[in-house]
Protein backbone atom coordinates (compact mmCIF):
# COMPACT_ATOMS: atom_id res chain seq x y z
CA MET A 1 -9.10 94.03 -24.69
CA ALA A 2 -7.13 91.97 -22.19
CA ILE A 3 -6.09 88.62 -23.63
CA ASP A 4 -7.17 85.42 -21.95
CA TRP A 5 -4.38 83.27 -23.31
CA HIS A 6 -6.20 79.99 -23.80
CA GLY A 7 -7.83 77.93 -26.51
CA VAL A 8 -7.56 77.91 -30.29
CA PHE A 9 -5.93 80.87 -32.02
CA PRO A 10 -5.89 80.14 -35.77
CA ALA A 11 -2.86 81.37 -37.69
CA VAL A 12 -5.10 83.11 -40.21
CA THR A 13 -4.31 82.91 -43.92
CA THR A 14 -4.14 86.03 -46.08
CA GLN A 15 -6.37 85.88 -49.15
CA PHE A 16 -5.24 87.18 -52.55
CA LYS A 17 -7.04 88.09 -55.77
CA ASP A 18 -6.08 86.83 -59.22
CA ASP A 19 -4.01 89.99 -59.75
CA ASP A 20 -1.96 89.22 -56.61
CA SER A 21 -3.52 92.05 -54.59
CA ILE A 22 -4.98 91.43 -51.14
CA ASP A 23 -8.60 90.30 -51.18
CA PHE A 24 -9.94 92.19 -48.18
CA ALA A 25 -13.49 91.00 -48.73
CA ALA A 26 -12.39 87.36 -48.71
CA ASN A 27 -10.26 87.99 -45.62
CA ALA A 28 -13.27 89.45 -43.83
CA LYS A 29 -15.51 86.54 -44.84
CA HIS A 30 -12.96 84.04 -43.59
CA VAL A 31 -12.39 85.81 -40.27
CA GLU A 32 -16.14 86.04 -39.69
CA TRP A 33 -16.49 82.29 -40.26
CA LEU A 34 -13.68 81.57 -37.80
CA LEU A 35 -15.42 83.70 -35.19
CA GLU A 36 -18.74 81.97 -35.80
CA SER A 37 -16.95 78.64 -35.34
CA GLY A 38 -15.93 79.58 -31.81
CA VAL A 39 -12.20 80.30 -32.00
CA HIS A 40 -10.75 82.04 -28.98
CA GLY A 41 -8.42 84.49 -30.74
CA LEU A 42 -6.79 85.30 -34.06
CA ILE A 43 -3.14 85.40 -35.07
CA MET A 44 -2.82 87.67 -38.09
CA LEU A 45 0.22 87.77 -40.37
CA GLY A 46 2.17 84.94 -38.87
CA THR A 47 3.96 82.37 -41.01
CA VAL A 48 0.69 81.05 -42.42
CA GLY A 49 -0.48 84.63 -43.01
CA GLU A 50 2.51 85.13 -45.34
CA ASN A 51 3.92 87.98 -43.30
CA GLY A 52 7.12 88.06 -45.31
CA SER A 53 5.21 88.31 -48.60
CA LEU A 54 3.42 91.56 -47.74
CA SER A 55 4.73 95.11 -47.93
CA ALA A 56 4.86 97.26 -44.80
CA ASP A 57 1.76 99.19 -45.86
CA GLU A 58 -0.15 96.01 -46.77
CA LYS A 59 0.55 94.53 -43.35
CA ARG A 60 -0.84 97.56 -41.58
CA ASP A 61 -3.88 97.65 -43.87
CA VAL A 62 -4.69 94.00 -43.14
CA LEU A 63 -4.38 94.58 -39.41
CA LYS A 64 -6.56 97.71 -39.48
CA ALA A 65 -9.28 95.94 -41.44
CA THR A 66 -9.23 92.93 -39.13
CA GLN A 67 -9.32 95.00 -35.96
CA GLU A 68 -12.30 96.99 -37.23
CA LEU A 69 -14.16 93.83 -38.25
CA VAL A 70 -13.53 91.87 -35.04
CA ALA A 71 -14.38 94.87 -32.84
CA GLY A 72 -13.34 93.24 -29.58
CA ARG A 73 -15.13 89.91 -30.01
CA VAL A 74 -11.86 88.00 -29.59
CA PRO A 75 -8.25 89.12 -29.16
CA VAL A 76 -6.39 90.00 -32.35
CA VAL A 77 -2.64 89.31 -32.24
CA ALA A 78 -0.19 90.41 -34.93
CA GLY A 79 2.88 88.51 -36.02
CA VAL A 80 6.06 90.60 -35.76
CA ALA A 81 8.61 89.16 -38.20
CA GLU A 82 10.87 91.93 -39.41
CA ASN A 83 14.46 91.68 -40.60
CA LEU A 84 15.77 94.47 -38.37
CA THR A 85 15.18 95.01 -34.66
CA ARG A 86 14.39 98.69 -35.19
CA GLU A 87 11.78 97.80 -37.82
CA ALA A 88 10.23 95.28 -35.43
CA CYS A 89 10.00 98.02 -32.80
CA ARG A 90 8.35 100.41 -35.24
CA TYR A 91 5.91 97.69 -36.29
CA ALA A 92 5.05 96.92 -32.67
CA GLU A 93 4.37 100.60 -32.04
CA ASP A 94 2.08 100.76 -35.09
CA CYS A 95 0.18 97.68 -33.94
CA ALA A 96 -0.58 99.44 -30.67
CA LYS A 97 -1.79 102.53 -32.54
CA ILE A 98 -4.08 100.35 -34.69
CA GLY A 99 -5.59 98.99 -31.49
CA LEU A 100 -4.46 95.38 -31.61
CA ASP A 101 -4.56 93.32 -28.45
CA GLY A 102 -1.17 91.62 -28.56
CA LEU A 103 1.88 90.61 -30.55
CA MET A 104 3.50 87.36 -31.57
CA VAL A 105 7.19 88.22 -31.81
CA LEU A 106 9.68 86.21 -33.84
CA PRO A 107 13.47 86.47 -33.94
CA GLY A 108 14.85 88.79 -36.59
CA MET A 109 14.40 87.28 -40.04
CA ILE A 110 17.13 86.29 -42.54
CA TYR A 111 20.09 86.63 -40.16
CA LYS A 112 20.60 83.59 -37.91
CA ALA A 113 21.30 85.30 -34.60
CA ASP A 114 23.17 83.67 -31.72
CA PRO A 115 21.62 83.42 -28.21
CA ARG A 116 23.06 86.75 -27.04
CA GLU A 117 21.73 88.52 -30.11
CA ASN A 118 18.33 86.85 -29.75
CA VAL A 119 17.97 88.04 -26.17
CA ALA A 120 19.00 91.57 -27.19
CA HIS A 121 16.45 91.55 -30.05
CA PHE A 122 13.61 90.43 -27.83
CA ARG A 123 14.49 92.84 -25.03
CA THR A 124 14.54 95.77 -27.43
CA VAL A 125 11.21 94.89 -29.03
CA LEU A 126 9.59 94.14 -25.67
CA ASP A 127 10.75 97.50 -24.33
CA ALA A 128 9.14 99.21 -27.32
CA THR A 129 5.59 98.10 -26.51
CA ASP A 130 3.11 97.79 -23.68
CA LEU A 131 1.17 95.11 -25.56
CA PRO A 132 1.35 91.54 -24.22
CA VAL A 133 3.72 89.38 -26.24
CA LEU A 134 3.67 85.74 -27.29
CA ALA A 135 7.23 84.69 -28.16
CA TYR A 136 7.38 82.39 -31.18
CA ASN A 137 10.05 79.71 -31.26
CA ASN A 138 10.27 77.76 -34.52
CA PRO A 139 13.86 76.64 -35.18
CA MET A 140 12.71 74.15 -37.82
CA VAL A 141 11.56 76.98 -40.09
CA TYR A 142 13.59 80.01 -39.06
CA GLY A 143 16.90 78.45 -38.04
CA VAL A 144 17.00 80.24 -34.69
CA ASP A 145 16.30 78.31 -31.50
CA LEU A 146 14.93 80.07 -28.43
CA LYS A 147 15.90 77.44 -25.89
CA PRO A 148 14.32 77.18 -22.44
CA GLU A 149 17.33 78.95 -20.94
CA THR A 150 16.53 81.97 -23.13
CA PHE A 151 13.23 82.40 -21.33
CA VAL A 152 15.00 82.33 -17.97
CA GLU A 153 16.99 85.34 -19.17
CA LEU A 154 13.87 87.12 -20.40
CA ALA A 155 11.73 86.40 -17.34
CA ASP A 156 12.14 89.98 -16.06
CA GLN A 157 10.38 91.39 -19.18
CA LYS A 158 6.85 92.06 -17.94
CA THR A 159 5.21 92.23 -21.38
CA LEU A 160 6.48 88.77 -22.35
CA VAL A 161 3.62 86.63 -21.09
CA ALA A 162 3.39 83.56 -23.33
CA ILE A 163 5.46 81.21 -25.48
CA LYS A 164 4.46 79.50 -28.71
CA GLU A 165 6.65 76.40 -28.75
CA SER A 166 7.12 75.02 -32.26
CA SER A 167 10.45 73.22 -31.93
CA ASP A 168 8.73 69.88 -32.72
CA ASP A 169 9.93 68.63 -29.33
CA PRO A 170 7.14 68.58 -26.71
CA ARG A 171 9.76 67.95 -24.01
CA ARG A 172 10.55 71.65 -24.29
CA LEU A 173 7.28 72.49 -22.51
CA THR A 174 8.34 70.56 -19.43
CA ASP A 175 11.84 72.02 -19.57
CA ILE A 176 10.44 75.57 -19.65
CA VAL A 177 8.17 74.89 -16.66
CA ASN A 178 10.97 73.24 -14.70
CA LEU A 179 13.16 76.30 -15.27
CA THR A 180 10.61 79.10 -14.94
CA GLY A 181 7.64 77.65 -13.04
CA ASP A 182 4.36 79.28 -13.98
CA ARG A 183 6.01 82.47 -15.28
CA TYR A 184 4.77 81.92 -18.85
CA THR A 185 1.58 80.69 -20.46
CA LEU A 186 2.50 77.94 -22.90
CA PHE A 187 1.00 77.48 -26.37
CA CYS A 188 1.41 74.61 -28.79
CA GLY A 189 2.61 75.86 -32.16
CA VAL A 190 2.56 72.59 -34.10
CA ASP A 191 -0.80 71.18 -35.19
CA ASP A 192 0.13 67.52 -34.81
CA LEU A 193 1.42 67.97 -31.24
CA MET A 194 -1.81 69.49 -30.01
CA MET A 195 -2.85 66.69 -27.66
CA GLU A 196 0.66 65.99 -26.45
CA SER A 197 1.09 69.67 -25.60
CA ALA A 198 -2.25 69.83 -23.82
CA VAL A 199 -1.25 66.89 -21.62
CA LEU A 200 1.99 68.71 -20.76
CA GLY A 201 0.21 71.88 -19.70
CA ALA A 202 -0.23 74.04 -22.79
CA ALA A 203 -3.11 76.47 -22.34
CA GLY A 204 -3.81 76.87 -26.04
CA CYS A 205 -2.63 76.35 -29.57
CA VAL A 206 -1.77 78.50 -32.57
CA HIS A 207 -3.25 76.36 -35.31
CA GLY A 208 -2.98 76.12 -39.10
CA ILE A 209 -5.57 73.56 -40.19
CA ALA A 210 -8.11 75.43 -38.03
CA ASN A 211 -8.41 77.64 -41.11
CA ALA A 212 -10.32 74.76 -42.71
CA PHE A 213 -11.78 72.92 -39.71
CA PRO A 214 -12.19 75.49 -36.93
CA ALA A 215 -15.21 74.01 -35.17
CA GLU A 216 -13.60 70.57 -35.05
CA THR A 217 -10.35 72.03 -33.74
CA VAL A 218 -12.15 74.01 -31.05
CA ARG A 219 -14.07 70.92 -29.97
CA MET A 220 -10.87 68.91 -29.74
CA TRP A 221 -9.29 71.58 -27.61
CA GLU A 222 -12.29 71.92 -25.33
CA LEU A 223 -12.22 68.19 -24.61
CA MET A 224 -8.47 68.25 -23.98
CA ALA A 225 -8.75 71.28 -21.70
CA GLU A 226 -11.31 69.38 -19.63
CA GLY A 227 -9.01 66.36 -19.41
CA ARG A 228 -11.37 64.28 -21.55
CA TYR A 229 -8.58 62.86 -23.65
CA ALA A 230 -10.29 59.56 -24.44
CA GLU A 231 -13.16 61.51 -26.04
CA ALA A 232 -10.78 63.81 -27.90
CA LEU A 233 -8.62 60.99 -29.25
CA PRO A 234 -10.89 59.86 -32.12
CA LEU A 235 -11.18 63.45 -33.33
CA TYR A 236 -7.44 63.90 -33.03
CA ARG A 237 -6.70 60.73 -34.97
CA TRP A 238 -9.19 61.78 -37.67
CA ALA A 239 -7.45 65.14 -38.09
CA THR A 240 -3.81 64.15 -37.63
CA PRO A 241 -3.04 63.32 -41.30
CA MET A 242 -4.03 66.90 -42.14
CA PHE A 243 -2.26 68.22 -39.05
CA HIS A 244 0.99 66.72 -40.36
CA LEU A 245 0.83 69.22 -43.25
CA ASP A 246 1.62 71.98 -40.73
CA THR A 247 5.16 70.64 -40.26
CA SER A 248 6.27 70.93 -43.90
CA PRO A 249 8.24 73.80 -45.48
CA LYS A 250 5.19 74.10 -47.74
CA LEU A 251 2.79 74.50 -44.82
CA VAL A 252 1.39 77.77 -46.21
CA GLN A 253 0.51 76.20 -49.56
CA TYR A 254 -0.82 73.04 -47.92
CA ILE A 255 -3.04 74.87 -45.44
CA LYS A 256 -4.40 77.16 -48.13
CA LEU A 257 -5.09 74.15 -50.36
CA VAL A 258 -7.04 72.39 -47.60
CA GLN A 259 -8.93 75.61 -46.94
CA HIS A 260 -9.76 75.83 -50.65
CA LEU A 261 -10.84 72.19 -50.88
CA VAL A 262 -13.39 72.64 -48.10
CA GLY A 263 -14.78 75.71 -49.86
CA ARG A 264 -13.50 78.28 -47.42
CA GLY A 265 -11.01 80.36 -49.37
CA SER A 266 -8.51 80.58 -52.17
CA GLU A 267 -5.26 78.64 -52.42
CA ARG A 268 -3.49 81.56 -54.12
CA VAL A 269 -0.05 82.37 -52.70
CA ARG A 270 2.53 84.96 -53.65
CA ALA A 271 5.66 83.92 -55.52
CA PRO A 272 8.16 82.51 -54.99
CA ARG A 273 5.63 80.17 -53.41
CA LEU A 274 3.56 78.24 -55.95
CA THR A 275 0.35 76.32 -55.41
CA ILE A 276 0.64 72.58 -54.82
CA ALA A 277 0.65 70.48 -58.00
CA GLY A 278 1.09 66.94 -59.32
CA GLU A 279 1.20 63.88 -57.08
CA ASP A 280 1.58 66.08 -54.02
CA ARG A 281 -1.71 67.79 -54.79
CA SER A 282 -3.46 64.48 -55.47
CA ARG A 283 -2.26 63.20 -52.09
CA VAL A 284 -3.73 66.19 -50.24
CA GLU A 285 -6.96 66.06 -52.23
CA ALA A 286 -7.42 62.39 -51.31
CA MET A 287 -6.63 63.17 -47.68
CA VAL A 288 -9.22 65.95 -47.49
CA LYS A 289 -11.82 63.91 -49.37
CA LYS A 290 -11.42 61.11 -46.80
CA ALA A 291 -11.62 63.59 -43.91
CA LEU A 292 -14.83 65.10 -45.25
CA ALA A 293 -16.36 61.67 -45.82
CA GLU A 294 -15.56 60.72 -42.23
CA LEU A 295 -16.35 64.14 -40.74
CA PRO A 296 -17.24 63.55 -37.10
CA LYS A 297 -20.44 64.86 -35.59
CA LEU A 298 -19.80 67.44 -32.91
CA GLY A 299 -22.06 66.94 -29.93
């Protein structure tokens, strides 16, 4: 299906069983709940989906199962986070064969490429697919910065249609628009910059805590998209302590813990990640308990 790049696209978690295998039944249950909650699309196997913790075959199996379950109800977008450019191209080709609707492409993993190498990587992957692509910039996590000037260079690539900006600097959105006009659809990639990004023209958000509070996140976004910021602000302030968890190196563990605490999935992660423990866990538990006690009514 054609992607209407707007609204809330949760960065969906990947559920695991006690034996560390993928829990496809739990994945399906979670995806179905997200759809029932009104999300506008799904990002599978991004950072929060633990892309780097799955084997090549496991990734394709998760994507096949999700595509069959969703069956065109919303767009399904796959994270492309391979170490080698040629592997990213092969993965993109397989995503098209599976029937996915789009791709979220990251720079090559492990190696910290320079700007020339980044442009070459993206051009090669973009040329390997006809699927629409959301470029993912997250220098805080991956150590590679796709600066606004990079998107000027890539503006001739027709399949590159959107940018997920996760640099933690909302000024980037304005810089991209000033350099490229309306060439790209802009997405917020940091939970706790959701409102700021909406004000600056983002059409949607790729969201982590939406795994635990999808309906509330969708409502926030709907209000922001309508320019009803004063009505959205109490919701945003209620959620922001949890949204801050999305900016930590432990964002996967944190988001899965919140999801678990609201009764919507397991917190299991694959090593070397470990589940949150000690004072850190107590802090998140208290945060979620407070959020649930003050859960706003959605009218």
